[in-house]
Amino acid sequence: MLIPCPHCGLRDLAEFTYVGDATRNRPILDAPEGDWADYLYLRTNPMGRHAEHWQHTAGCRSVLTVRRDTVTHEIFGATMAGTQA
């Protein structure tokens, strides 16, 4: 699988580390304990197109938001994390 790094171009998956689901929102600091427990321990297993965070650990070290199909592993693009696609 090749991931398109905005800085380095197409790179092999081996250069990246999966960071997590890019669609999850962290609770506010003083959120109820149950909200934090859900955030930390409950995960979904999405099928189809999904946004994920990956870090280019063997390259520029940037954190990217990668749009990937979780069934076919097709990559639809990547942007710097925190920027609009």
N, C-alpha and C. Protein backbone atom coordinates (compact mmCIF):
# COMPACT_ATOMS: atom_id res chain seq x y z
N MET A 1 0.85 -1.16 0.00
CA MET A 1 0.00 0.00 0.00
C MET A 1 0.90 1.23 0.00
N LEU A 2 0.59 2.19 -0.86
CA LEU A 2 1.35 3.43 -0.96
C LEU A 2 0.52 4.58 -0.41
N ILE A 3 1.14 5.40 0.43
CA ILE A 3 0.47 6.55 1.02
C ILE A 3 1.10 7.82 0.44
N PRO A 4 0.27 8.75 -0.06
CA PRO A 4 0.80 9.97 -0.65
C PRO A 4 1.10 11.04 0.41
N CYS A 5 2.34 11.16 0.82
CA CYS A 5 2.73 12.19 1.79
C CYS A 5 2.79 13.53 1.06
N PRO A 6 2.15 14.58 1.58
CA PRO A 6 2.18 15.88 0.92
C PRO A 6 3.60 16.45 0.77
N HIS A 7 4.52 16.05 1.66
CA HIS A 7 5.89 16.56 1.60
C HIS A 7 6.82 15.66 0.78
N CYS A 8 6.65 14.35 0.91
CA CYS A 8 7.62 13.39 0.36
C CYS A 8 7.14 12.64 -0.87
N GLY A 9 5.88 12.76 -1.24
CA GLY A 9 5.33 12.02 -2.36
C GLY A 9 4.86 10.63 -1.94
N LEU A 10 4.65 9.75 -2.92
CA LEU A 10 4.17 8.39 -2.63
C LEU A 10 5.24 7.61 -1.86
N ARG A 11 4.83 7.02 -0.75
CA ARG A 11 5.75 6.24 0.08
C ARG A 11 5.07 4.95 0.50
N ASP A 12 5.88 3.93 0.76
CA ASP A 12 5.39 2.63 1.19
C ASP A 12 4.82 2.70 2.60
N LEU A 13 3.82 1.90 2.87
CA LEU A 13 3.17 1.81 4.18
C LEU A 13 4.18 1.59 5.30
N ALA A 14 5.28 0.88 5.03
CA ALA A 14 6.28 0.57 6.05
C ALA A 14 6.90 1.81 6.66
N GLU A 15 6.82 2.96 5.99
CA GLU A 15 7.38 4.21 6.50
C GLU A 15 6.44 4.92 7.48
N PHE A 16 5.23 4.42 7.64
CA PHE A 16 4.19 5.10 8.42
C PHE A 16 3.79 4.30 9.65
N THR A 17 3.28 5.03 10.64
CA THR A 17 2.72 4.42 11.85
C THR A 17 1.28 4.89 11.98
N TYR A 18 0.37 3.94 12.19
CA TYR A 18 -1.04 4.28 12.39
C TYR A 18 -1.19 4.99 13.72
N VAL A 19 -1.86 6.14 13.72
CA VAL A 19 -2.04 6.92 14.94
C VAL A 19 -3.45 6.75 15.50
N GLY A 20 -4.45 6.70 14.63
CA GLY A 20 -5.81 6.50 15.14
C GLY A 20 -6.87 7.03 14.20
N ASP A 21 -8.10 6.87 14.64
CA ASP A 21 -9.29 7.27 13.92
C ASP A 21 -9.36 8.80 13.87
N ALA A 22 -9.44 9.37 12.70
CA ALA A 22 -9.47 10.83 12.55
C ALA A 22 -10.86 11.41 12.75
N THR A 23 -11.86 10.56 12.93
CA THR A 23 -13.23 11.07 13.08
C THR A 23 -13.66 11.18 14.53
N ARG A 24 -12.85 10.72 15.45
CA ARG A 24 -13.22 10.76 16.88
C ARG A 24 -12.93 12.14 17.45
N ASN A 25 -13.82 12.61 18.32
CA ASN A 25 -13.64 13.89 18.99
C ASN A 25 -13.34 13.65 20.46
N ARG A 26 -12.25 14.24 20.93
CA ARG A 26 -11.85 14.11 22.32
C ARG A 26 -12.83 14.89 23.20
N PRO A 27 -13.26 14.30 24.33
CA PRO A 27 -14.17 15.03 25.23
C PRO A 27 -13.46 16.24 25.84
N ILE A 28 -14.26 17.21 26.29
CA ILE A 28 -13.68 18.35 26.98
C ILE A 28 -13.06 17.87 28.29
N LEU A 29 -12.12 18.64 28.81
CA LEU A 29 -11.34 18.23 29.97
C LEU A 29 -12.20 17.86 31.17
N ASP A 30 -13.27 18.60 31.43
CA ASP A 30 -14.10 18.32 32.61
C ASP A 30 -15.36 17.52 32.26
N ALA A 31 -15.29 16.74 31.18
CA ALA A 31 -16.43 15.90 30.78
C ALA A 31 -16.65 14.81 31.83
N PRO A 32 -17.87 14.29 31.91
CA PRO A 32 -18.16 13.20 32.86
C PRO A 32 -17.25 11.99 32.60
N GLU A 33 -17.00 11.25 33.65
CA GLU A 33 -16.13 10.08 33.58
C GLU A 33 -16.59 9.08 32.51
N GLY A 34 -17.90 8.92 32.37
CA GLY A 34 -18.43 8.00 31.37
C GLY A 34 -18.06 8.39 29.95
N ASP A 35 -18.04 9.69 29.67
CA ASP A 35 -17.63 10.16 28.34
C ASP A 35 -16.18 9.81 28.06
N TRP A 36 -15.33 9.98 29.08
CA TRP A 36 -13.91 9.63 28.92
C TRP A 36 -13.72 8.12 28.76
N ALA A 37 -14.48 7.34 29.51
CA ALA A 37 -14.38 5.87 29.38
C ALA A 37 -14.77 5.44 27.97
N ASP A 38 -15.86 6.02 27.45
CA ASP A 38 -16.28 5.69 26.08
C ASP A 38 -15.19 6.07 25.08
N TYR A 39 -14.62 7.26 25.22
CA TYR A 39 -13.59 7.74 24.31
C TYR A 39 -12.35 6.84 24.33
N LEU A 40 -11.96 6.42 25.51
CA LEU A 40 -10.73 5.63 25.65
C LEU A 40 -10.89 4.16 25.27
N TYR A 41 -12.07 3.58 25.53
CA TYR A 41 -12.18 2.13 25.41
C TYR A 41 -13.13 1.62 24.33
N LEU A 42 -14.06 2.43 23.86
CA LEU A 42 -15.02 1.95 22.86
C LEU A 42 -14.58 2.37 21.47
N ARG A 43 -14.54 1.43 20.56
CA ARG A 43 -14.12 1.69 19.18
C ARG A 43 -15.15 1.08 18.23
N THR A 44 -15.29 1.72 17.08
CA THR A 44 -16.10 1.13 16.02
C THR A 44 -15.15 0.47 15.03
N ASN A 45 -15.68 -0.38 14.20
CA ASN A 45 -14.90 -1.03 13.16
C ASN A 45 -15.56 -0.71 11.83
N PRO A 46 -15.27 0.48 11.28
CA PRO A 46 -15.99 0.95 10.09
C PRO A 46 -15.64 0.14 8.84
N MET A 47 -16.63 0.00 7.96
CA MET A 47 -16.42 -0.61 6.66
C MET A 47 -16.57 0.47 5.60
N GLY A 48 -15.66 0.51 4.65
CA GLY A 48 -15.74 1.49 3.57
C GLY A 48 -14.79 2.64 3.79
N ARG A 49 -15.12 3.78 3.18
CA ARG A 49 -14.25 4.96 3.27
C ARG A 49 -14.21 5.49 4.69
N HIS A 50 -12.99 5.82 5.10
CA HIS A 50 -12.78 6.25 6.48
C HIS A 50 -11.56 7.16 6.55
N ALA A 51 -11.57 8.11 7.48
CA ALA A 51 -10.43 9.00 7.68
C ALA A 51 -9.61 8.52 8.87
N GLU A 52 -8.30 8.42 8.68
CA GLU A 52 -7.40 7.92 9.73
C GLU A 52 -6.20 8.85 9.85
N HIS A 53 -5.59 8.88 11.02
CA HIS A 53 -4.35 9.62 11.20
C HIS A 53 -3.17 8.64 11.11
N TRP A 54 -2.17 9.01 10.32
CA TRP A 54 -0.94 8.24 10.16
C TRP A 54 0.23 9.20 10.33
N GLN A 55 1.31 8.75 10.95
CA GLN A 55 2.52 9.56 11.06
C GLN A 55 3.59 9.00 10.14
N HIS A 56 4.25 9.88 9.39
CA HIS A 56 5.32 9.47 8.48
C HIS A 56 6.61 9.34 9.31
N THR A 57 6.71 8.29 10.10
CA THR A 57 7.80 8.13 11.06
C THR A 57 9.16 7.90 10.42
N ALA A 58 9.21 7.32 9.24
CA ALA A 58 10.50 7.08 8.57
C ALA A 58 10.76 8.13 7.50
N GLY A 59 10.06 9.24 7.59
CA GLY A 59 10.23 10.30 6.60
C GLY A 59 10.22 11.65 7.29
N CYS A 60 9.30 12.51 6.90
CA CYS A 60 9.25 13.89 7.39
C CYS A 60 8.64 14.01 8.79
N ARG A 61 8.12 12.93 9.34
CA ARG A 61 7.52 12.86 10.68
C ARG A 61 6.20 13.60 10.82
N SER A 62 5.63 14.04 9.71
CA SER A 62 4.35 14.73 9.72
C SER A 62 3.22 13.76 10.06
N VAL A 63 2.17 14.28 10.69
CA VAL A 63 0.96 13.51 10.94
C VAL A 63 -0.02 13.87 9.84
N LEU A 64 -0.54 12.85 9.17
CA LEU A 64 -1.43 13.03 8.03
C LEU A 64 -2.82 12.50 8.32
N THR A 65 -3.81 13.07 7.67
CA THR A 65 -5.14 12.49 7.65
C THR A 65 -5.26 11.78 6.31
N VAL A 66 -5.37 10.47 6.37
CA VAL A 66 -5.43 9.63 5.16
C VAL A 66 -6.86 9.14 4.99
N ARG A 67 -7.41 9.31 3.81
CA ARG A 67 -8.74 8.79 3.48
C ARG A 67 -8.56 7.45 2.78
N ARG A 68 -9.04 6.38 3.43
CA ARG A 68 -8.78 5.02 2.96
C ARG A 68 -10.04 4.19 3.06
N ASP A 69 -10.20 3.27 2.12
CA ASP A 69 -11.29 2.30 2.18
C ASP A 69 -10.80 1.13 3.03
N THR A 70 -11.48 0.86 4.13
CA THR A 70 -11.02 -0.18 5.05
C THR A 70 -11.26 -1.59 4.53
N VAL A 71 -12.03 -1.73 3.47
CA VAL A 71 -12.28 -3.05 2.89
C VAL A 71 -11.24 -3.36 1.81
N THR A 72 -11.03 -2.41 0.89
CA THR A 72 -10.13 -2.65 -0.23
C THR A 72 -8.72 -2.09 0.00
N HIS A 73 -8.56 -1.26 1.02
CA HIS A 73 -7.30 -0.56 1.34
C HIS A 73 -6.91 0.46 0.28
N GLU A 74 -7.84 0.84 -0.59
CA GLU A 74 -7.57 1.88 -1.57
C GLU A 74 -7.42 3.22 -0.86
N ILE A 75 -6.40 3.99 -1.23
CA ILE A 75 -6.14 5.30 -0.66
C ILE A 75 -6.75 6.36 -1.57
N PHE A 76 -7.53 7.27 -1.00
CA PHE A 76 -8.18 8.33 -1.77
C PHE A 76 -7.51 9.68 -1.59
N GLY A 77 -6.43 9.72 -0.84
CA GLY A 77 -5.71 10.98 -0.67
C GLY A 77 -5.27 11.17 0.78
N ALA A 78 -4.40 12.15 0.97
CA ALA A 78 -3.90 12.47 2.30
C ALA A 78 -3.60 13.95 2.38
N THR A 79 -3.87 14.52 3.54
CA THR A 79 -3.58 15.92 3.82
C THR A 79 -2.88 16.00 5.17
N MET A 80 -2.27 17.14 5.44
CA MET A 80 -1.69 17.34 6.75
C MET A 80 -2.82 17.33 7.77
N ALA A 81 -2.62 16.67 8.90
CA ALA A 81 -3.65 16.61 9.93
C ALA A 81 -3.97 18.03 10.39
N GLY A 82 -5.25 18.30 10.56
CA GLY A 82 -5.68 19.61 11.00
C GLY A 82 -5.99 20.57 9.87
N THR A 83 -5.80 20.16 8.61
CA THR A 83 -6.12 21.02 7.48
C THR A 83 -7.35 20.47 6.76
N GLN A 84 -8.05 21.32 6.07
CA GLN A 84 -9.21 20.89 5.32
C GLN A 84 -8.78 20.16 4.06
N ALA A 85 -9.53 19.12 3.70
CA ALA A 85 -9.24 18.37 2.47
C ALA A 85 -9.70 19.13 1.26
